[in-house]
Structures are given as structure tokens and as C-alpha cells.
Protein backbone atom coordinates (compact mmCIF):
# COMPACT_ATOMS: atom_id res chain seq x y z
CA UNK A 1 202.87 134.26 127.66
CA UNK A 2 205.33 131.38 127.66
CA UNK A 3 204.64 128.25 129.70
CA UNK A 4 207.30 127.11 132.14
CA UNK A 5 208.06 123.48 132.65
CA UNK A 6 210.09 122.46 135.66
CA UNK A 7 210.57 118.70 135.64
CA UNK A 8 211.73 117.35 138.98
CA UNK A 9 213.74 114.20 139.61
CA UNK A 10 210.42 112.58 140.62
CA UNK A 11 208.67 113.57 137.39
CA UNK A 12 211.64 112.54 135.26
CA UNK A 13 211.77 109.17 137.03
CA UNK A 14 208.04 108.69 136.44
CA UNK A 15 208.32 109.36 132.73
CA UNK A 16 211.47 107.28 132.27
CA UNK A 17 209.92 104.33 134.12
CA UNK A 18 206.67 104.56 132.19
CA UNK A 19 208.48 104.69 128.86
CA UNK A 20 210.87 101.86 129.80
CA UNK A 21 207.90 99.66 130.72
CA UNK A 22 206.15 100.67 127.50
CA UNK A 23 203.05 101.75 129.40
CA UNK A 24 200.85 104.34 127.73
CA UNK A 25 199.90 107.52 129.53
CA UNK A 26 196.26 106.48 129.30
CA UNK A 27 196.89 103.08 130.92
CA UNK A 28 198.93 104.55 133.75
CA UNK A 29 196.47 107.40 134.30
CA UNK A 30 193.63 104.89 134.67
CA UNK A 31 195.74 102.77 137.03
CA UNK A 32 196.54 105.63 139.39
CA UNK A 33 193.16 107.35 139.06
CA UNK A 34 194.03 110.62 137.31
CA UNK A 35 193.29 112.08 133.90
CA UNK A 36 195.79 111.81 131.07
CA UNK A 37 196.12 115.61 131.18
CA UNK A 38 196.97 115.48 134.88
CA UNK A 39 199.55 112.75 134.37
CA UNK A 40 201.12 114.80 131.58
CA UNK A 41 201.34 117.83 133.87
CA UNK A 42 203.05 115.76 136.56
CA UNK A 43 205.53 114.24 134.10
CA UNK A 44 206.43 117.63 132.60
CA UNK A 45 206.59 119.49 135.91
CA UNK A 46 203.79 121.81 134.88
CA UNK A 47 200.98 123.04 137.10
CA UNK A 48 200.39 121.88 140.63
CA UNK A 49 202.67 119.40 142.34
CA UNK A 50 201.21 115.91 142.79
CA UNK A 51 198.89 115.56 145.76
CA UNK A 52 200.12 113.26 148.53
CA UNK A 53 197.68 110.58 147.30
CA UNK A 54 198.82 110.93 143.67
CA UNK A 55 202.45 110.78 144.71
CA UNK A 56 201.84 107.69 146.85
CA UNK A 57 200.15 105.83 143.99
CA UNK A 58 202.88 106.85 141.54
CA UNK A 59 205.69 105.82 143.91
CA UNK A 60 204.02 102.44 144.46
CA UNK A 61 203.82 101.95 140.70
CA UNK A 62 207.44 103.02 140.16
CA UNK A 63 208.48 100.61 142.89
CA UNK A 64 207.10 97.66 141.00
CA UNK A 65 203.40 98.18 140.51
CA UNK A 66 201.68 96.74 137.49
CA UNK A 67 199.71 98.82 134.99
CA UNK A 68 199.64 96.85 131.76
């Protein structure tokens, strides 16, 4: 069975922003309150879509939040 990844504009923006800010997945995951595995799923568009609470925290961080 082959896994399907469907990155969305949201997930691509999350990853690009995280990489541009040089923030590790672990640091960001701790900041928004999810596991590294969950953050990876969100960034790659794999598994369940972000919950409303996850999405809110991520959007706040993308908009200028600090996780360093």
C-alpha cells in the first residue's frame, strides 16, 4: 500500500514559514502543543486535517508568533 500525501496551501505555508524562521519541528510542536509526528502529518498533508484548535495555534504562529 502506498501512502498519499496531499499538502495544502496551509500546510505548505506552515512548513515554508517554519523553515524560513529556522525553527525545528520539535520546538514548534512544543509551542503549539502537538507531537512532532502530528506536526509532520500536518506539514505533509497526511492523515487527519488539523483540528480547529491546532489550526488556530498554527495560524497565530505563522502570523508572527514566537517559538524559538
